[in-house]
PDB file of N, CA and C in Angstrom:
ATOM      1  N   MET A   1      -7.530   8.237   7.152  1.00  0.00           N
ATOM      2  CA  MET A   1      -6.202   7.755   6.683  1.00  0.00           C
ATOM      3  C   MET A   1      -6.525   6.224   6.358  1.00  0.00           C
ATOM      4  N   ILE A   2      -6.840   5.373   7.344  1.00  0.00           N
ATOM      5  CA  ILE A   2      -7.007   4.025   7.096  1.00  0.00           C
ATOM      6  C   ILE A   2      -8.495   3.671   7.113  1.00  0.00           C
ATOM      7  N   GLU A   3      -8.841   3.021   6.076  1.00  0.00           N
ATOM      8  CA  GLU A   3     -10.355   2.565   5.975  1.00  0.00           C
ATOM      9  C   GLU A   3     -10.294   0.970   5.883  1.00  0.00           C
ATOM     10  N   LEU A   4     -11.018   0.339   6.789  1.00  0.00           N
ATOM     11  CA  LEU A   4     -11.149  -1.027   6.945  1.00  0.00           C
ATOM     12  C   LEU A   4     -12.535  -1.530   6.556  1.00  0.00           C
ATOM     13  N   ASP A   5     -12.518  -2.683   5.933  1.00  0.00           N
ATOM     14  CA  ASP A   5     -13.887  -3.349   5.548  1.00  0.00           C
ATOM     15  C   ASP A   5     -13.866  -4.550   6.415  1.00  0.00           C
ATOM     16  N   TYR A   6     -14.726  -4.381   7.578  1.00  0.00           N
ATOM     17  CA  TYR A   6     -14.796  -5.402   8.610  1.00  0.00           C
ATOM     18  C   TYR A   6     -15.520  -6.537   8.029  1.00  0.00           C
ATOM     19  N   GLN A   7     -16.176  -6.506   6.888  1.00  0.00           N
ATOM     20  CA  GLN A   7     -16.995  -7.649   6.289  1.00  0.00           C
ATOM     21  C   GLN A   7     -16.107  -8.451   5.193  1.00  0.00           C
ATOM     22  N   SER A   8     -14.951  -7.795   5.021  1.00  0.00           N
ATOM     23  CA  SER A   8     -14.118  -8.419   3.994  1.00  0.00           C
ATOM     24  C   SER A   8     -13.499  -9.803   4.411  1.00  0.00           C
ATOM     25  N   GLU A   9     -13.323 -10.703   3.440  1.00  0.00           N
ATOM     26  CA  GLU A   9     -12.486 -11.986   3.766  1.00  0.00           C
ATOM     27  C   GLU A   9     -11.037 -11.668   4.040  1.00  0.00           C
ATOM     28  N   LYS A  10     -10.513 -10.622   3.637  1.00  0.00           N
ATOM     29  CA  LYS A  10      -9.112 -10.192   3.778  1.00  0.00           C
ATOM     30  C   LYS A  10      -8.903  -9.848   5.202  1.00  0.00           C
ATOM     31  N   PRO A  11      -7.879 -10.447   5.815  1.00  0.00           N
ATOM     32  CA  PRO A  11      -7.483 -10.181   7.272  1.00  0.00           C
ATOM     33  C   PRO A  11      -7.407  -8.704   7.579  1.00  0.00           C
ATOM     34  N   ILE A  12      -7.732  -8.342   8.675  1.00  0.00           N
ATOM     35  CA  ILE A  12      -7.578  -6.831   9.172  1.00  0.00           C
ATOM     36  C   ILE A  12      -6.092  -6.484   8.995  1.00  0.00           C
ATOM     37  N   TYR A  13      -5.222  -7.344   9.402  1.00  0.00           N
ATOM     38  CA  TYR A  13      -3.730  -6.826   9.565  1.00  0.00           C
ATOM     39  C   TYR A  13      -3.413  -6.630   8.065  1.00  0.00           C
ATOM     40  N   GLU A  14      -3.853  -7.417   7.016  1.00  0.00           N
ATOM     41  CA  GLU A  14      -3.454  -7.227   5.718  1.00  0.00           C
ATOM     42  C   GLU A  14      -3.863  -5.800   5.167  1.00  0.00           C
ATOM     43  N   GLN A  15      -5.299  -5.567   5.632  1.00  0.00           N
ATOM     44  CA  GLN A  15      -5.880  -4.357   5.244  1.00  0.00           C
ATOM     45  C   GLN A  15      -5.154  -3.141   5.760  1.00  0.00           C
ATOM     46  N   ILE A  16      -4.644  -3.321   6.962  1.00  0.00           N
ATOM     47  CA  ILE A  16      -3.866  -2.118   7.558  1.00  0.00           C
ATOM     48  C   ILE A  16      -2.696  -1.948   6.710  1.00  0.00           C
ATOM     49  N   ILE A  17      -1.872  -3.045   6.414  1.00  0.00           N
ATOM     50  CA  ILE A  17      -0.800  -2.905   5.621  1.00  0.00           C
ATOM     51  C   ILE A  17      -0.941  -2.256   4.230  1.00  0.00           C
ATOM     52  N   ASN A  18      -2.080  -2.746   3.516  1.00  0.00           N
ATOM     53  CA  ASN A  18      -2.406  -2.249   2.344  1.00  0.00           C
ATOM     54  C   ASN A  18      -2.826  -0.757   2.330  1.00  0.00           C
ATOM     55  N   GLU A  19      -3.458  -0.395   3.371  1.00  0.00           N
ATOM     56  CA  GLU A  19      -3.882   1.041   3.446  1.00  0.00           C
ATOM     57  C   GLU A  19      -2.666   1.990   3.797  1.00  0.00           C
ATOM     58  N   ILE A  20      -1.739   1.475   4.509  1.00  0.00           N
ATOM     59  CA  ILE A  20      -0.608   2.349   4.745  1.00  0.00           C
ATOM     60  C   ILE A  20       0.214   2.500   3.461  1.00  0.00           C
ATOM     61  N   LYS A  21       0.416   1.424   2.740  1.00  0.00           N
ATOM     62  CA  LYS A  21       0.964   1.296   1.399  1.00  0.00           C
ATOM     63  C   LYS A  21       0.351   2.294   0.441  1.00  0.00           C
ATOM     64  N   ARG A  22      -1.031   2.178   0.313  1.00  0.00           N
ATOM     65  CA  ARG A  22      -1.858   3.049  -0.478  1.00  0.00           C
ATOM     66  C   ARG A  22      -1.656   4.589  -0.213  1.00  0.00           C
ATOM     67  N   ASN A  23      -1.555   4.800   1.083  1.00  0.00           N
ATOM     68  CA  ASN A  23      -1.337   6.132   1.566  1.00  0.00           C
ATOM     69  C   ASN A  23       0.126   6.856   1.220  1.00  0.00           C
ATOM     70  N   ILE A  24       1.050   5.916   1.185  1.00  0.00           N
ATOM     71  CA  ILE A  24       2.408   6.170   0.723  1.00  0.00           C
ATOM     72  C   ILE A  24       2.337   6.633  -0.614  1.00  0.00           C
ATOM     73  N   ILE A  25       1.768   5.700  -1.493  1.00  0.00           N
ATOM     74  CA  ILE A  25       1.709   5.808  -2.960  1.00  0.00           C
ATOM     75  C   ILE A  25       1.001   7.079  -3.301  1.00  0.00           C
ATOM     76  N   LYS A  26      -0.131   7.269  -2.579  1.00  0.00           N
ATOM     77  CA  LYS A  26      -0.898   8.578  -2.959  1.00  0.00           C
ATOM     78  C   LYS A  26      -0.100   9.926  -2.358  1.00  0.00           C
ATOM     79  N   GLY A  27       0.972   9.681  -1.591  1.00  0.00           N
ATOM     80  CA  GLY A  27       1.788  10.958  -1.043  1.00  0.00           C
ATOM     81  C   GLY A  27       1.122  11.346   0.163  1.00  0.00           C
ATOM     82  N   SER A  28       0.057  10.677   0.722  1.00  0.00           N
ATOM     83  CA  SER A  28      -0.550  11.139   1.966  1.00  0.00           C
ATOM     84  C   SER A  28       0.419  10.912   3.211  1.00  0.00           C
ATOM     85  N   LEU A  29       1.212   9.878   3.127  1.00  0.00           N
ATOM     86  CA  LEU A  29       2.350   9.523   3.943  1.00  0.00           C
ATOM     87  C   LEU A  29       3.577   9.720   3.342  1.00  0.00           C
ATOM     88  N   LYS A  30       4.523  10.546   3.980  1.00  0.00           N
ATOM     89  CA  LYS A  30       5.718  10.822   3.371  1.00  0.00           C
ATOM     90  C   LYS A  30       6.925  10.294   4.123  1.00  0.00           C
ATOM     91  N   PRO A  31       8.019  10.076   3.625  1.00  0.00           N
ATOM     92  CA  PRO A  31       9.222   9.688   4.360  1.00  0.00           C
ATOM     93  C   PRO A  31       9.494  10.433   5.492  1.00  0.00           C
ATOM     94  N   GLN A  32       9.796   9.718   6.595  1.00  0.00           N
ATOM     95  CA  GLN A  32      10.143  10.366   7.891  1.00  0.00           C
ATOM     96  C   GLN A  32       8.974  10.842   8.728  1.00  0.00           C
ATOM     97  N   GLU A  33       7.710  10.659   8.082  1.00  0.00           N
ATOM     98  CA  GLU A  33       6.520  11.214   8.751  1.00  0.00           C
ATOM     99  C   GLU A  33       6.045  10.114   9.913  1.00  0.00           C
ATOM    100  N   GLN A  34       5.789  10.577  11.004  1.00  0.00           N
ATOM    101  CA  GLN A  34       5.331   9.783  12.037  1.00  0.00           C
ATOM    102  C   GLN A  34       3.951   9.205  11.921  1.00  0.00           C
ATOM    103  N   ILE A  35       3.797   7.958  12.189  1.00  0.00           N
ATOM    104  CA  ILE A  35       2.432   7.377  12.159  1.00  0.00           C
ATOM    105  C   ILE A  35       1.973   7.022  13.534  1.00  0.00           C
ATOM    106  N   PRO A  36       0.620   6.761  13.700  1.00  0.00           N
ATOM    107  CA  PRO A  36       0.216   6.515  15.047  1.00  0.00           C
ATOM    108  C   PRO A  36       0.831   5.317  15.768  1.00  0.00           C
ATOM    109  N   SER A  37       0.912   5.366  17.072  1.00  0.00           N
ATOM    110  CA  SER A  37       1.593   4.132  17.767  1.00  0.00           C
ATOM    111  C   SER A  37       0.491   2.989  17.677  1.00  0.00           C
ATOM    112  N   ILE A  38       1.022   1.910  17.900  1.00  0.00           N
ATOM    113  CA  ILE A  38       0.290   0.639  17.881  1.00  0.00           C
ATOM    114  C   ILE A  38      -1.150   0.838  18.615  1.00  0.00           C
ATOM    115  N   ARG A  39      -0.978   1.209  19.827  1.00  0.00           N
ATOM    116  CA  ARG A  39      -2.118   1.328  20.781  1.00  0.00           C
ATOM    117  C   ARG A  39      -3.117   2.391  20.226  1.00  0.00           C
ATOM    118  N   GLU A  40      -2.519   3.493  19.728  1.00  0.00           N
ATOM    119  CA  GLU A  40      -3.355   4.590  19.210  1.00  0.00           C
ATOM    120  C   GLU A  40      -4.102   4.201  17.892  1.00  0.00           C
ATOM    121  N   LEU A  41      -3.471   3.553  16.962  1.00  0.00           N
ATOM    122  CA  LEU A  41      -4.153   3.074  15.758  1.00  0.00           C
ATOM    123  C   LEU A  41      -5.076   1.986  16.092  1.00  0.00           C
ATOM    124  N   ALA A  42      -4.822   1.012  17.064  1.00  0.00           N
ATOM    125  CA  ALA A  42      -5.745  -0.050  17.349  1.00  0.00           C
ATOM    126  C   ALA A  42      -7.048   0.645  18.033  1.00  0.00           C
ATOM    127  N   SER A  43      -6.812   1.646  18.810  1.00  0.00           N
ATOM    128  CA  SER A  43      -7.934   2.289  19.543  1.00  0.00           C
ATOM    129  C   SER A  43      -8.862   2.983  18.352  1.00  0.00           C
ATOM    130  N   THR A  44      -8.121   3.761  17.554  1.00  0.00           N
ATOM    131  CA  THR A  44      -8.799   4.503  16.473  1.00  0.00           C
ATOM    132  C   THR A  44      -9.721   3.445  15.629  1.00  0.00           C
ATOM    133  N   LEU A  45      -8.985   2.318  15.214  1.00  0.00           N
ATOM    134  CA  LEU A  45      -9.804   1.339  14.333  1.00  0.00           C
ATOM    135  C   LEU A  45     -10.721   0.349  14.998  1.00  0.00           C
ATOM    136  N   GLY A  46     -10.527   0.373  16.350  1.00  0.00           N
ATOM    137  CA  GLY A  46     -11.329  -0.568  17.030  1.00  0.00           C
ATOM    138  C   GLY A  46     -10.902  -2.056  16.991  1.00  0.00           C
ATOM    139  N   VAL A  47      -9.694  -2.263  16.852  1.00  0.00           N
ATOM    140  CA  VAL A  47      -9.121  -3.599  16.544  1.00  0.00           C
ATOM    141  C   VAL A  47      -8.073  -3.852  17.860  1.00  0.00           C
ATOM    142  N   ASN A  48      -7.687  -5.172  17.898  1.00  0.00           N
ATOM    143  CA  ASN A  48      -6.741  -5.589  18.897  1.00  0.00           C
ATOM    144  C   ASN A  48      -5.490  -5.006  18.493  1.00  0.00           C
ATOM    145  N   PRO A  49      -4.720  -4.497  19.514  1.00  0.00           N
ATOM    146  CA  PRO A  49      -3.401  -3.964  19.302  1.00  0.00           C
ATOM    147  C   PRO A  49      -2.354  -5.038  18.673  1.00  0.00           C
ATOM    148  N   ASN A  50      -2.713  -6.396  18.947  1.00  0.00           N
ATOM    149  CA  ASN A  50      -1.770  -7.349  18.363  1.00  0.00           C
ATOM    150  C   ASN A  50      -1.878  -7.403  16.848  1.00  0.00           C
ATOM    151  N   THR A  51      -3.131  -7.004  16.358  1.00  0.00           N
ATOM    152  CA  THR A  51      -3.352  -6.934  14.934  1.00  0.00           C
ATOM    153  C   THR A  51      -2.546  -5.911  14.315  1.00  0.00           C
ATOM    154  N   VAL A  52      -2.595  -4.618  14.983  1.00  0.00           N
ATOM    155  CA  VAL A  52      -1.788  -3.653  14.386  1.00  0.00           C
ATOM    156  C   VAL A  52      -0.315  -3.826  14.521  1.00  0.00           C
ATOM    157  N   LYS A  53       0.070  -4.476  15.721  1.00  0.00           N
ATOM    158  CA  LYS A  53       1.575  -4.907  15.730  1.00  0.00           C
ATOM    159  C   LYS A  53       2.025  -5.836  14.731  1.00  0.00           C
ATOM    160  N   LYS A  54       1.129  -6.790  14.247  1.00  0.00           N
ATOM    161  CA  LYS A  54       1.490  -7.678  13.326  1.00  0.00           C
ATOM    162  C   LYS A  54       1.739  -6.898  11.925  1.00  0.00           C
ATOM    163  N   SER A  55       0.754  -5.952  11.648  1.00  0.00           N
ATOM    164  CA  SER A  55       0.945  -5.078  10.535  1.00  0.00           C
ATOM    165  C   SER A  55       2.239  -4.403  10.534  1.00  0.00           C
ATOM    166  N   TYR A  56       2.527  -3.816  11.647  1.00  0.00           N
ATOM    167  CA  TYR A  56       3.720  -2.870  11.688  1.00  0.00           C
ATOM    168  C   TYR A  56       4.929  -3.786  11.564  1.00  0.00           C
ATOM    169  N   ASN A  57       5.001  -4.921  12.159  1.00  0.00           N
ATOM    170  CA  ASN A  57       6.067  -5.841  12.108  1.00  0.00           C
ATOM    171  C   ASN A  57       6.375  -6.210  10.653  1.00  0.00           C
ATOM    172  N   ILE A  58       5.334  -6.475   9.889  1.00  0.00           N
ATOM    173  CA  ILE A  58       5.457  -6.938   8.459  1.00  0.00           C
ATOM    174  C   ILE A  58       6.116  -5.715   7.683  1.00  0.00           C
ATOM    175  N   LEU A  59       5.477  -4.607   7.781  1.00  0.00           N
ATOM    176  CA  LEU A  59       5.881  -3.303   7.274  1.00  0.00           C
ATOM    177  C   LEU A  59       7.311  -2.819   7.577  1.00  0.00           C
ATOM    178  N   GLU A  60       7.732  -3.157   8.800  1.00  0.00           N
ATOM    179  CA  GLU A  60       9.121  -2.951   9.170  1.00  0.00           C
ATOM    180  C   GLU A  60      10.122  -3.952   8.486  1.00  0.00           C
ATOM    181  N   LYS A  61       9.708  -5.188   8.375  1.00  0.00           N
ATOM    182  CA  LYS A  61      10.554  -6.060   7.660  1.00  0.00           C
ATOM    183  C   LYS A  61      10.666  -5.784   6.180  1.00  0.00           C
ATOM    184  N   GLU A  62       9.624  -5.136   5.604  1.00  0.00           N
ATOM    185  CA  GLU A  62       9.716  -4.691   4.392  1.00  0.00           C
ATOM    186  C   GLU A  62      10.336  -3.271   4.068  1.00  0.00           C
ATOM    187  N   ASN A  63      10.949  -2.722   5.117  1.00  0.00           N
ATOM    188  CA  ASN A  63      11.626  -1.419   5.184  1.00  0.00           C
ATOM    189  C   ASN A  63      10.710  -0.274   4.877  1.00  0.00           C
ATOM    190  N   ILE A  64       9.435  -0.440   5.130  1.00  0.00           N
ATOM    191  CA  ILE A  64       8.456   0.609   4.724  1.00  0.00           C
ATOM    192  C   ILE A  64       8.237   1.698   5.907  1.00  0.00           C
ATOM    193  N   ILE A  65       8.344   1.049   7.144  1.00  0.00           N
ATOM    194  CA  ILE A  65       8.419   1.884   8.326  1.00  0.00           C
ATOM    195  C   ILE A  65       9.508   1.509   9.291  1.00  0.00           C
ATOM    196  N   LYS A  66       9.774   2.393  10.202  1.00  0.00           N
ATOM    197  CA  LYS A  66      10.863   2.127  11.064  1.00  0.00           C
ATOM    198  C   LYS A  66      10.416   2.651  12.492  1.00  0.00           C
ATOM    199  N   SER A  67      10.558   1.780  13.488  1.00  0.00           N
ATOM    200  CA  SER A  67      10.092   2.042  14.795  1.00  0.00           C
ATOM    201  C   SER A  67      11.395   2.394  15.670  1.00  0.00           C
ATOM    202  N   TYR A  68      11.309   3.420  16.487  1.00  0.00           N
ATOM    203  CA  TYR A  68      12.166   3.811  17.503  1.00  0.00           C
ATOM    204  C   TYR A  68      11.636   3.666  18.796  1.00  0.00           C
ATOM    205  N   SER A  69      12.172   2.881  19.785  1.00  0.00           N
ATOM    206  CA  SER A  69      11.446   2.587  21.035  1.00  0.00           C
ATOM    207  C   SER A  69      11.128   3.950  21.746  1.00  0.00           C
ATOM    208  N   THR A  70      11.851   4.953  21.717  1.00  0.00           N
ATOM    209  CA  THR A  70      11.607   6.242  22.483  1.00  0.00           C
ATOM    210  C   THR A  70      10.893   7.249  21.750  1.00  0.00           C
ATOM    211  N   LYS A  71      10.962   7.202  20.365  1.00  0.00           N
ATOM    212  CA  LYS A  71      10.380   8.247  19.465  1.00  0.00           C
ATOM    213  C   LYS A  71       9.177   7.991  18.816  1.00  0.00           C
ATOM    214  N   GLY A  72       8.902   6.665  18.464  1.00  0.00           N
ATOM    215  CA  GLY A  72       7.675   6.308  17.813  1.00  0.00           C
ATOM    216  C   GLY A  72       7.936   5.575  16.503  1.00  0.00           C
ATOM    217  N   THR A  73       6.957   5.642  15.715  1.00  0.00           N
ATOM    218  CA  THR A  73       7.115   4.823  14.337  1.00  0.00           C
ATOM    219  C   THR A  73       6.888   5.769  13.293  1.00  0.00           C
ATOM    220  N   PHE A  74       7.817   5.626  12.232  1.00  0.00           N
ATOM    221  CA  PHE A  74       7.921   6.622  11.076  1.00  0.00           C
ATOM    222  C   PHE A  74       7.976   5.859   9.863  1.00  0.00           C
ATOM    223  N   ILE A  75       7.473   6.595   8.669  1.00  0.00           N
ATOM    224  CA  ILE A  75       7.690   6.015   7.367  1.00  0.00           C
ATOM    225  C   ILE A  75       9.125   6.156   7.170  1.00  0.00           C
ATOM    226  N   SER A  76       9.594   5.031   6.496  1.00  0.00           N
ATOM    227  CA  SER A  76      10.970   4.942   6.163  1.00  0.00           C
ATOM    228  C   SER A  76      11.467   5.933   5.083  1.00  0.00           C
ATOM    229  N   ASN A  77      12.618   6.559   5.269  1.00  0.00           N
ATOM    230  CA  ASN A  77      13.249   7.406   4.175  1.00  0.00           C
ATOM    231  C   ASN A  77      13.705   6.512   3.046  1.00  0.00           C
ATOM    232  N   LYS A  78      13.627   5.166   3.240  1.00  0.00           N
ATOM    233  CA  LYS A  78      14.143   4.344   2.112  1.00  0.00           C
ATOM    234  C   LYS A  78      12.772   3.401   1.367  1.00  0.00           C
ATOM    235  N   ILE A  79      11.891   4.379   0.984  1.00  0.00           N
ATOM    236  CA  ILE A  79      10.688   3.759   0.431  1.00  0.00           C
ATOM    237  C   ILE A  79      10.890   3.787  -1.125  1.00  0.00           C
ATOM    238  N   ASP A  80      11.904   4.238  -1.654  1.00  0.00           N
ATOM    239  CA  ASP A  80      12.061   4.424  -3.152  1.00  0.00           C
ATOM    240  C   ASP A  80      11.971   3.016  -3.860  1.00  0.00           C
ATOM    241  N   ASN A  81      12.528   2.115  -3.099  1.00  0.00           N
ATOM    242  CA  ASN A  81      12.416   0.623  -3.792  1.00  0.00           C
ATOM    243  C   ASN A  81      11.015   0.110  -3.744  1.00  0.00           C
ATOM    244  N   PHE A  82      10.185   0.421  -2.606  1.00  0.00           N
ATOM    245  CA  PHE A  82       8.786   0.218  -2.556  1.00  0.00           C
ATOM    246  C   PHE A  82       8.108   0.948  -3.781  1.00  0.00           C
ATOM    247  N   LEU A  83       8.296   2.138  -3.771  1.00  0.00           N
ATOM    248  CA  LEU A  83       7.599   2.926  -4.808  1.00  0.00           C
ATOM    249  C   LEU A  83       7.848   2.417  -6.243  1.00  0.00           C
ATOM    250  N   GLN A  84       9.159   2.192  -6.506  1.00  0.00           N
ATOM    251  CA  GLN A  84       9.507   1.620  -7.791  1.00  0.00           C
ATOM    252  C   GLN A  84       8.990   0.281  -8.095  1.00  0.00           C
ATOM    253  N   GLU A  85       8.874  -0.524  -7.130  1.00  0.00           N
ATOM    254  CA  GLU A  85       8.258  -1.832  -7.343  1.00  0.00           C
ATOM    255  C   GLU A  85       6.790  -1.720  -7.550  1.00  0.00           C
ATOM    256  N   SER A  86       6.158  -0.747  -6.914  1.00  0.00           N
ATOM    257  CA  SER A  86       4.792  -0.484  -7.187  1.00  0.00           C
ATOM    258  C   SER A  86       4.520   0.026  -8.594  1.00  0.00           C
ATOM    259  N   ILE A  87       5.337   0.839  -8.945  1.00  0.00           N
ATOM    260  CA  ILE A  87       5.149   1.265 -10.472  1.00  0.00           C
ATOM    261  C   ILE A  87       5.323   0.296 -11.317  1.00  0.00           C
ATOM    262  N   ASN A  88       6.464  -0.562 -11.088  1.00  0.00           N
ATOM    263  CA  ASN A  88       6.664  -1.599 -12.060  1.00  0.00           C
ATOM    264  C   ASN A  88       5.620  -2.715 -12.106  1.00  0.00           C
ATOM    265  N   SER A  89       5.005  -2.900 -11.002  1.00  0.00           N
ATOM    266  CA  SER A  89       3.790  -3.897 -10.822  1.00  0.00           C
ATOM    267  C   SER A  89       2.570  -3.290 -11.646  1.00  0.00           C
ATOM    268  N   CYS A  90       2.369  -1.966 -11.683  1.00  0.00           N
ATOM    269  CA  CYS A  90       1.349  -1.368 -12.417  1.00  0.00           C
ATOM    270  C   CYS A  90       1.618  -1.599 -13.905  1.00  0.00           C
ATOM    271  N   TYR A  91       2.860  -1.356 -14.251  1.00  0.00           N
ATOM    272  CA  TYR A  91       3.242  -1.406 -15.672  1.00  0.00           C
ATOM    273  C   TYR A  91       3.113  -2.807 -16.192  1.00  0.00           C
ATOM    274  N   ASN A  92       3.451  -3.763 -15.215  1.00  0.00           N
ATOM    275  CA  ASN A  92       3.268  -5.273 -15.668  1.00  0.00           C
ATOM    276  C   ASN A  92       1.747  -5.527 -15.781  1.00  0.00           C
ATOM    277  N   ASN A  93       0.924  -4.992 -15.038  1.00  0.00           N
ATOM    278  CA  ASN A  93      -0.529  -5.184 -15.099  1.00  0.00           C
ATOM    279  C   ASN A  93      -1.018  -4.672 -16.348  1.00  0.00           C
ATOM    280  N   ILE A  94      -0.482  -3.572 -16.715  1.00  0.00           N
ATOM    281  CA  ILE A  94      -1.011  -2.818 -18.012  1.00  0.00           C
ATOM    282  C   ILE A  94      -0.422  -3.811 -19.148  1.00  0.00           C
ATOM    283  N   ASP A  95       0.667  -4.201 -19.143  1.00  0.00           N
ATOM    284  CA  ASP A  95       1.124  -5.136 -20.210  1.00  0.00           C
ATOM    285  C   ASP A  95       0.273  -6.415 -20.413  1.00  0.00           C
ATOM    286  N   ILE A  96      -0.046  -6.994 -19.252  1.00  0.00           N
ATOM    287  CA  ILE A  96      -0.915  -8.119 -19.374  1.00  0.00           C
ATOM    288  C   ILE A  96      -2.248  -7.848 -19.866  1.00  0.00           C
ATOM    289  N   GLU A  97      -2.827  -6.772 -19.561  1.00  0.00           N
ATOM    290  CA  GLU A  97      -4.141  -6.373 -19.995  1.00  0.00           C
ATOM    291  C   GLU A  97      -4.110  -5.866 -21.508  1.00  0.00           C
ATOM    292  N   VAL A  98      -3.117  -5.266 -21.916  1.00  0.00           N
ATOM    293  CA  VAL A  98      -2.887  -4.865 -23.285  1.00  0.00           C
ATOM    294  C   VAL A  98      -2.805  -6.153 -24.128  1.00  0.00           C
ATOM    295  N   LYS A  99      -2.096  -7.101 -23.652  1.00  0.00           N
ATOM    296  CA  LYS A  99      -1.843  -8.436 -24.471  1.00  0.00           C
ATOM    297  C   LYS A  99      -3.317  -9.135 -24.486  1.00  0.00           C
ATOM    298  N   ARG A 100      -4.047  -9.143 -23.509  1.00  0.00           N
ATOM    299  CA  ARG A 100      -5.416  -9.731 -23.528  1.00  0.00           C
ATOM    300  C   ARG A 100      -6.333  -9.001 -24.519  1.00  0.00           C
ATOM    301  N   LEU A 101      -6.216  -7.659 -24.540  1.00  0.00           N
ATOM    302  CA  LEU A 101      -7.090  -6.826 -25.516  1.00  0.00           C
ATOM    303  C   LEU A 101      -6.555  -7.234 -26.963  1.00  0.00           C
ATOM    304  N   VAL A 102      -5.355  -7.288 -27.239  1.00  0.00           N
ATOM    305  CA  VAL A 102      -4.644  -7.585 -28.483  1.00  0.00           C
ATOM    306  C   VAL A 102      -5.157  -8.901 -28.970  1.00  0.00           C
ATOM    307  N   ASP A 103      -5.190  -9.896 -27.964  1.00  0.00           N
ATOM    308  CA  ASP A 103      -5.741 -11.262 -28.332  1.00  0.00           C
ATOM    309  C   ASP A 103      -7.103 -11.243 -28.628  1.00  0.00           C
ATOM    310  N   LEU A 104      -7.905 -10.273 -28.201  1.00  0.00           N
ATOM    311  CA  LEU A 104      -9.312 -10.110 -28.485  1.00  0.00           C
ATOM    312  C   LEU A 104      -9.572  -9.402 -29.793  1.00  0.00           C
ATOM    313  N   GLY A 105      -8.479  -9.049 -30.458  1.00  0.00           N
ATOM    314  CA  GLY A 105      -8.675  -8.247 -31.645  1.00  0.00           C
ATOM    315  C   GLY A 105      -8.625  -6.805 -31.661  1.00  0.00           C
ATOM    316  N   ILE A 106      -8.406  -6.134 -30.536  1.00  0.00           N
ATOM    317  CA  ILE A 106      -8.156  -4.799 -30.396  1.00  0.00           C
ATOM    318  C   ILE A 106      -6.844  -4.373 -30.812  1.00  0.00           C
ATOM    319  N   THR A 107      -6.651  -3.348 -31.598  1.00  0.00           N
ATOM    320  CA  THR A 107      -5.417  -2.719 -31.900  1.00  0.00           C
ATOM    321  C   THR A 107      -4.812  -1.861 -30.798  1.00  0.00           C
ATOM    322  N   LYS A 108      -3.636  -1.708 -30.834  1.00  0.00           N
ATOM    323  CA  LYS A 108      -2.958  -0.858 -29.742  1.00  0.00           C
ATOM    324  C   LYS A 108      -3.510   0.536 -29.878  1.00  0.00           C
ATOM    325  N   GLN A 109      -3.714   0.981 -31.193  1.00  0.00           N
ATOM    326  CA  GLN A 109      -4.143   2.265 -31.410  1.00  0.00           C
ATOM    327  C   GLN A 109      -5.630   2.312 -30.835  1.00  0.00           C
ATOM    328  N   GLU A 110      -6.558   1.545 -30.910  1.00  0.00           N
ATOM    329  CA  GLU A 110      -7.768   1.605 -30.304  1.00  0.00           C
ATOM    330  C   GLU A 110      -7.541   1.548 -28.933  1.00  0.00           C
ATOM    331  N   ILE A 111      -6.726   0.885 -28.267  1.00  0.00           N
ATOM    332  CA  ILE A 111      -6.493   0.757 -26.844  1.00  0.00           C
ATOM    333  C   ILE A 111      -6.128   2.252 -26.285  1.00  0.00           C
ATOM    334  N   LEU A 112      -5.089   2.845 -27.031  1.00  0.00           N
ATOM    335  CA  LEU A 112      -4.661   4.321 -26.729  1.00  0.00           C
ATOM    336  C   LEU A 112      -5.756   5.295 -26.796  1.00  0.00           C
ATOM    337  N   GLU A 113      -6.607   5.136 -27.720  1.00  0.00           N
ATOM    338  CA  GLU A 113      -7.730   6.030 -27.978  1.00  0.00           C
ATOM    339  C   GLU A 113      -8.765   5.882 -26.803  1.00  0.00           C
ATOM    340  N   ARG A 114      -8.835   4.694 -26.524  1.00  0.00           N
ATOM    341  CA  ARG A 114      -9.969   4.390 -25.361  1.00  0.00           C
ATOM    342  C   ARG A 114      -9.464   5.060 -23.984  1.00  0.00           C
ATOM    343  N   ILE A 115      -8.109   4.843 -23.743  1.00  0.00           N
ATOM    344  CA  ILE A 115      -7.553   5.287 -22.551  1.00  0.00           C
ATOM    345  C   ILE A 115      -7.146   6.788 -22.417  1.00  0.00           C
ATOM    346  N   GLY A 116      -7.455   7.351 -23.601  1.00  0.00           N
ATOM    347  CA  GLY A 116      -7.206   8.942 -23.661  1.00  0.00           C
ATOM    348  C   GLY A 116      -5.889   9.209 -24.026  1.00  0.00           C
ATOM    349  N   GLY A 117      -5.090   8.375 -24.559  1.00  0.00           N
ATOM    350  CA  GLY A 117      -3.613   8.602 -25.034  1.00  0.00           C
ATOM    351  C   GLY A 117      -3.691   8.893 -26.369  1.00  0.00           C
TER     352      GLY A 117
END
């Protein structure tokens, strides 16, 4: 589920956040699905529980997960905004790259042919 690069310059807590978001986007994690507890994930990943706690706190502030003191931590059922923002971000990146290619003299038709459209 979560793959970390311990050699990366990116902090572990950010990698955990990104991996959880990636799994939501892929559909591996679905709304209202329970995720491991802080201690369980920390043990699985071999990291300090405070690192996982920091990740979970950020994800909760972003309304991506919801923690219940007696039940556990779950993917929020309100992730539609997150998913829409992710889609919009991808489209924005595509727009930027298409503009760069056009500036380099590539036609939109050539771009479409190259990407299989």
